[in-house]
Amino acid sequence: MSSRETGRQPKYQRIAAELRAAVEAGRYGPGDRLPGENDLMAEHGVARMTARQALGVLQAEGIAEARKGAGVFVRDFRPVRRRGIERLARGQWGQGRSVWAADIGERDLTVDSVEVTEEEAAPGAVAAVLELAEDAPVCVRRRRFVLDGKPVLLSTSYLPATLVAGTPVTRPDTGPGGTYARLAELGHAPVRFREEIRSRMPSRDEAERLALPAGVPVVLVARTAYDAEGAVVEVNEMVLDSSAYVLEYDFEA
């Protein structure tokens, strides 16, 4: 960025850029306290609101987090590298491993909230993808994933209720390999996936459940799983904390 462009930036953005560069250079490491509002006011000759906005930029980017009564600290959390192709390979869930194992290694993952219900109908768009009649029942699996003590993802899966009735898919714990392994046992193993990705600001409920600071967007991943006959066997709508993820796709040219 040229000095002319830098000069046109609002003061709070210039201060945020300096702090960001200091973090990237290692002057402030994970868990370190950043200069506070008073420090920034004195160093840069700015008003408190400007100093607060600068720190707010780093919080919105997921670089820093505020701790009540203590200040603003460099976030002590390694982003999740979501390997979009490797995690869905049959060699992963087909061998009884969770699709998450491709993302987290030895890190501590928990699912701290699981709700499985049979509902009278799926939302209109989901029912259309599943090619279900308007009044066809659907199995819905709602989960919240927590990594290293931090909520990172909300997941809602929709499956035809008639397909999975009486199987472990309707229970909180689906067993080794998860839902896809159970679908394989039913003769409906997923052989193809399609994911759509977009971003938006979170709803109030999403922000609360993911413990998101103000200004942090979410990434939406909508995945559709198809069996060998081309039938849709699952629609999974995921809401990701954008500051907690790197989305990686590795494929041949």
Protein backbone atom coordinates (compact mmCIF):
# COMPACT_ATOMS: atom_id res chain seq x y z
CA MET A 1 0.00 0.00 0.00
CA SER A 2 1.42 3.41 -0.99
CA SER A 3 1.99 6.22 1.51
CA ARG A 4 -0.69 8.23 -0.32
CA GLU A 5 -3.24 5.44 0.16
CA THR A 6 -2.21 5.06 3.79
CA GLY A 7 -2.68 8.77 4.32
CA ARG A 8 -6.25 8.54 3.06
CA GLN A 9 -7.15 5.83 5.58
CA PRO A 10 -9.05 6.81 8.72
CA LYS A 11 -6.76 7.02 11.73
CA TYR A 12 -8.29 3.97 13.41
CA GLN A 13 -7.54 1.84 10.34
CA ARG A 14 -3.92 3.00 10.27
CA ILE A 15 -3.53 2.13 13.94
CA ALA A 16 -5.18 -1.25 13.36
CA ALA A 17 -2.80 -1.90 10.45
CA GLU A 18 0.22 -1.18 12.67
CA LEU A 19 -1.07 -3.51 15.38
CA ARG A 20 -1.85 -6.22 12.82
CA ALA A 21 1.68 -5.96 11.40
CA ALA A 22 3.12 -6.20 14.91
CA VAL A 23 1.16 -9.39 15.54
CA GLU A 24 2.23 -10.88 12.20
CA ALA A 25 5.85 -10.00 12.97
CA GLY A 26 5.65 -11.80 16.31
CA ARG A 27 5.97 -8.74 18.54
CA TYR A 28 2.73 -9.85 20.13
CA GLY A 29 2.19 -13.58 20.36
CA PRO A 30 -0.92 -15.67 21.12
CA GLY A 31 -2.31 -14.66 24.50
CA ASP A 32 -0.32 -11.41 24.71
CA ARG A 33 -2.12 -8.25 25.76
CA LEU A 34 -2.25 -5.53 23.09
CA PRO A 35 -1.80 -1.85 23.91
CA GLY A 36 -4.96 -0.55 25.57
CA GLU A 37 -7.07 2.45 24.66
CA ASN A 38 -5.06 4.76 26.91
CA ASP A 39 -1.78 3.52 25.41
CA LEU A 40 -3.01 4.11 21.86
CA MET A 41 -4.41 7.52 22.73
CA ALA A 42 -1.05 8.62 24.14
CA GLU A 43 1.07 7.09 21.38
CA HIS A 44 -1.00 8.28 18.42
CA GLY A 45 -2.61 11.43 19.82
CA VAL A 46 -6.14 10.23 19.08
CA ALA A 47 -9.47 10.25 20.89
CA ARG A 48 -10.64 7.27 22.90
CA MET A 49 -13.25 6.36 20.29
CA THR A 50 -10.55 6.15 17.60
CA ALA A 51 -8.42 3.88 19.79
CA ARG A 52 -11.47 1.74 20.54
CA GLN A 53 -12.32 1.44 16.85
CA ALA A 54 -8.76 0.34 16.04
CA LEU A 55 -8.91 -2.46 18.59
CA GLY A 56 -12.39 -3.32 17.34
CA VAL A 57 -11.02 -3.92 13.84
CA LEU A 58 -8.65 -6.60 15.14
CA GLN A 59 -11.46 -8.22 17.11
CA ALA A 60 -13.72 -8.26 14.06
CA GLU A 61 -10.93 -9.90 12.04
CA GLY A 62 -10.56 -12.61 14.67
CA ILE A 63 -6.98 -11.57 15.46
CA ALA A 64 -7.78 -10.36 18.97
CA GLU A 65 -10.38 -10.88 21.66
CA ALA A 66 -11.54 -8.68 24.52
CA ARG A 67 -11.47 -10.01 28.06
CA LYS A 68 -13.75 -8.17 30.42
CA GLY A 69 -11.80 -6.00 32.82
CA ALA A 70 -8.43 -7.16 31.46
CA GLY A 71 -8.03 -5.66 27.98
CA VAL A 72 -7.66 -6.91 24.43
CA PHE A 73 -5.44 -9.92 23.75
CA VAL A 74 -4.05 -11.68 20.70
CA ARG A 75 -6.29 -14.64 20.10
CA ASP A 76 -4.80 -17.87 21.39
CA PHE A 77 -6.56 -20.13 18.90
CA ARG A 78 -5.27 -21.90 15.82
CA PRO A 79 -7.66 -21.74 12.88
CA VAL A 80 -9.24 -24.97 11.71
CA ARG A 81 -7.93 -25.97 8.28
CA ARG A 82 -11.05 -27.51 6.75
CA ARG A 83 -9.86 -29.90 4.05
CA GLY A 84 -12.96 -29.91 1.92
CA ILE A 85 -12.05 -32.87 -0.32
CA GLU A 86 -9.99 -35.09 1.96
CA ARG A 87 -12.55 -35.01 4.79
CA LEU A 88 -15.36 -36.35 2.56
CA ALA A 89 -13.38 -39.16 0.92
CA ARG A 90 -14.85 -42.64 1.47
CA GLY A 91 -11.47 -43.71 2.80
CA GLN A 92 -12.16 -41.39 5.73
CA TRP A 93 -15.67 -42.24 6.97
CA GLY A 94 -15.62 -45.68 5.30
CA GLN A 95 -12.88 -46.72 7.71
CA GLY A 96 -14.90 -45.61 10.73
CA ARG A 97 -13.19 -42.23 11.14
CA SER A 98 -15.03 -38.98 11.65
CA VAL A 99 -14.85 -36.50 8.77
CA TRP A 100 -13.53 -34.09 11.39
CA ALA A 101 -10.40 -36.18 11.87
CA ALA A 102 -9.04 -34.79 8.58
CA ASP A 103 -9.29 -31.25 9.98
CA ILE A 104 -8.23 -31.33 13.62
CA GLY A 105 -5.46 -33.89 14.11
CA GLU A 106 -4.97 -34.38 17.84
CA ARG A 107 -6.91 -31.31 18.93
CA ASP A 108 -9.80 -31.58 21.37
CA LEU A 109 -13.15 -31.65 19.57
CA THR A 110 -16.47 -32.09 21.33
CA VAL A 111 -20.08 -31.97 20.19
CA ASP A 112 -21.63 -30.27 23.18
CA SER A 113 -25.16 -30.11 21.82
CA VAL A 114 -26.97 -32.78 19.80
CA GLU A 115 -30.67 -32.72 18.97
CA VAL A 116 -32.23 -35.37 16.73
CA THR A 117 -35.88 -35.02 15.78
CA GLU A 118 -38.33 -36.26 13.20
CA GLU A 119 -40.21 -33.30 11.77
CA GLU A 120 -43.29 -33.18 9.62
CA ALA A 121 -41.57 -31.38 6.78
CA ALA A 122 -38.22 -29.85 5.83
CA PRO A 123 -37.86 -26.16 4.98
CA GLY A 124 -39.06 -25.52 1.43
CA ALA A 125 -35.64 -25.18 -0.18
CA VAL A 126 -34.31 -28.28 1.59
CA ALA A 127 -37.39 -30.35 0.71
CA ALA A 128 -36.93 -29.37 -2.93
CA VAL A 129 -33.30 -30.55 -2.95
CA LEU A 130 -34.26 -33.79 -1.19
CA GLU A 131 -37.13 -34.15 -3.69
CA LEU A 132 -39.57 -34.77 -0.87
CA ALA A 133 -43.30 -34.18 -0.97
CA GLU A 134 -44.47 -31.19 1.07
CA ASP A 135 -45.80 -33.39 3.86
CA ALA A 136 -42.96 -35.96 3.84
CA PRO A 137 -41.30 -36.36 7.26
CA VAL A 138 -37.62 -35.57 7.63
CA CYS A 139 -34.96 -36.57 10.15
CA VAL A 140 -33.14 -33.49 11.45
CA ARG A 141 -29.80 -33.61 13.27
CA ARG A 142 -28.71 -30.34 14.94
CA ARG A 143 -25.24 -30.13 16.48
CA ARG A 144 -22.77 -27.59 17.85
CA PHE A 145 -19.06 -28.36 17.51
CA VAL A 146 -16.57 -27.01 20.04
CA LEU A 147 -12.81 -27.11 19.35
CA ASP A 148 -10.27 -26.47 22.10
CA GLY A 149 -13.08 -25.07 24.22
CA LYS A 150 -14.36 -22.66 21.54
CA PRO A 151 -17.61 -23.07 19.57
CA VAL A 152 -16.70 -23.06 15.89
CA LEU A 153 -19.58 -24.60 13.92
CA LEU A 154 -23.34 -25.15 13.94
CA SER A 155 -24.58 -28.02 11.79
CA THR A 156 -28.10 -29.03 10.73
CA SER A 157 -28.51 -32.20 8.66
CA TYR A 158 -31.72 -33.19 6.89
CA LEU A 159 -32.35 -36.77 5.75
CA PRO A 160 -35.50 -38.50 4.45
CA ALA A 161 -37.14 -39.97 7.56
CA THR A 162 -38.32 -43.04 5.66
CA LEU A 163 -34.72 -43.80 4.66
CA VAL A 164 -33.17 -43.70 8.14
CA ALA A 165 -36.09 -44.76 10.37
CA GLY A 166 -35.02 -47.18 13.08
CA THR A 167 -31.30 -46.77 12.35
CA PRO A 168 -28.51 -45.19 14.43
CA VAL A 169 -28.85 -42.05 12.27
CA THR A 170 -31.87 -41.19 14.42
CA ARG A 171 -29.79 -41.39 17.61
CA PRO A 172 -27.40 -38.75 19.01
CA ASP A 173 -24.40 -41.10 18.51
CA THR A 174 -24.46 -42.57 15.01
CA GLY A 175 -21.40 -44.77 15.64
CA PRO A 176 -18.01 -45.10 13.88
CA GLY A 177 -17.83 -43.26 10.58
CA GLY A 178 -20.93 -41.23 11.39
CA THR A 179 -24.00 -40.73 9.23
CA TYR A 180 -22.27 -41.58 5.94
CA ALA A 181 -21.11 -44.96 7.21
CA ARG A 182 -24.66 -45.74 8.33
CA LEU A 183 -26.06 -44.69 4.95
CA ALA A 184 -23.55 -47.04 3.31
CA GLU A 185 -24.88 -49.89 5.45
CA LEU A 186 -28.35 -49.08 4.11
CA GLY A 187 -27.09 -49.34 0.54
CA HIS A 188 -27.09 -45.58 0.02
CA ALA A 189 -23.43 -44.66 0.45
CA PRO A 190 -22.67 -41.12 -0.70
CA VAL A 191 -20.63 -41.23 -3.89
CA ARG A 192 -20.75 -37.53 -4.77
CA PHE A 193 -20.97 -34.29 -2.83
CA ARG A 194 -21.77 -30.73 -3.78
CA GLU A 195 -20.95 -27.77 -1.55
CA GLU A 196 -22.08 -24.17 -1.88
CA ILE A 197 -20.25 -21.54 0.16
CA ARG A 198 -21.23 -17.99 0.95
CA SER A 199 -20.81 -15.49 3.75
CA ARG A 200 -23.07 -13.15 5.71
CA MET A 201 -23.42 -11.58 9.13
CA PRO A 202 -24.75 -13.97 11.80
CA SER A 203 -28.23 -13.89 13.28
CA ARG A 204 -28.43 -13.03 16.97
CA ASP A 205 -28.90 -16.70 17.86
CA GLU A 206 -25.90 -17.76 15.74
CA ALA A 207 -23.70 -15.07 17.28
CA GLU A 208 -24.65 -16.19 20.78
CA ARG A 209 -24.20 -19.89 20.11
CA LEU A 210 -20.81 -19.34 18.44
CA ALA A 211 -19.73 -16.69 20.99
CA LEU A 212 -18.86 -14.29 18.18
CA PRO A 213 -17.57 -10.77 18.82
CA ALA A 214 -19.50 -7.98 17.14
CA GLY A 215 -18.67 -7.57 13.46
CA VAL A 216 -17.45 -11.12 12.79
CA PRO A 217 -19.26 -12.72 9.81
CA VAL A 218 -20.08 -16.39 9.39
CA VAL A 219 -19.38 -18.73 6.49
CA LEU A 220 -22.30 -20.83 5.30
CA VAL A 221 -21.56 -24.22 3.76
CA ALA A 222 -24.51 -26.09 2.25
CA ARG A 223 -23.56 -29.67 1.36
CA THR A 224 -25.65 -32.11 -0.64
CA ALA A 225 -24.79 -35.83 -0.61
CA TYR A 226 -25.82 -38.11 -3.51
CA ASP A 227 -25.90 -41.91 -3.67
CA ALA A 228 -24.94 -44.06 -6.68
CA GLU A 229 -28.43 -43.69 -8.17
CA GLY A 230 -28.19 -39.91 -8.04
CA ALA A 231 -30.68 -39.61 -5.18
CA VAL A 232 -30.04 -36.95 -2.54
CA VAL A 233 -29.58 -38.69 0.82
CA GLU A 234 -28.59 -35.70 2.97
CA VAL A 235 -28.59 -31.92 2.98
CA ASN A 236 -26.28 -30.42 5.59
CA GLU A 237 -26.40 -26.69 6.36
CA MET A 238 -23.39 -25.47 8.34
CA VAL A 239 -22.64 -22.12 9.96
CA LEU A 240 -18.91 -21.53 10.59
CA ASP A 241 -17.15 -18.87 12.61
CA SER A 242 -15.26 -17.21 9.74
CA SER A 243 -12.36 -16.20 11.97
CA ALA A 244 -11.85 -19.82 13.06
CA TYR A 245 -11.51 -21.41 9.62
CA VAL A 246 -9.26 -21.75 6.61
CA LEU A 247 -11.11 -23.52 3.77
CA GLU A 248 -8.72 -25.73 1.81
CA TYR A 249 -9.48 -27.50 -1.48
CA ASP A 250 -6.71 -29.60 -3.02
CA PHE A 251 -7.45 -31.15 -6.43
CA GLU A 252 -5.79 -32.05 -9.69
CA ALA A 253 -5.77 -29.62 -12.64
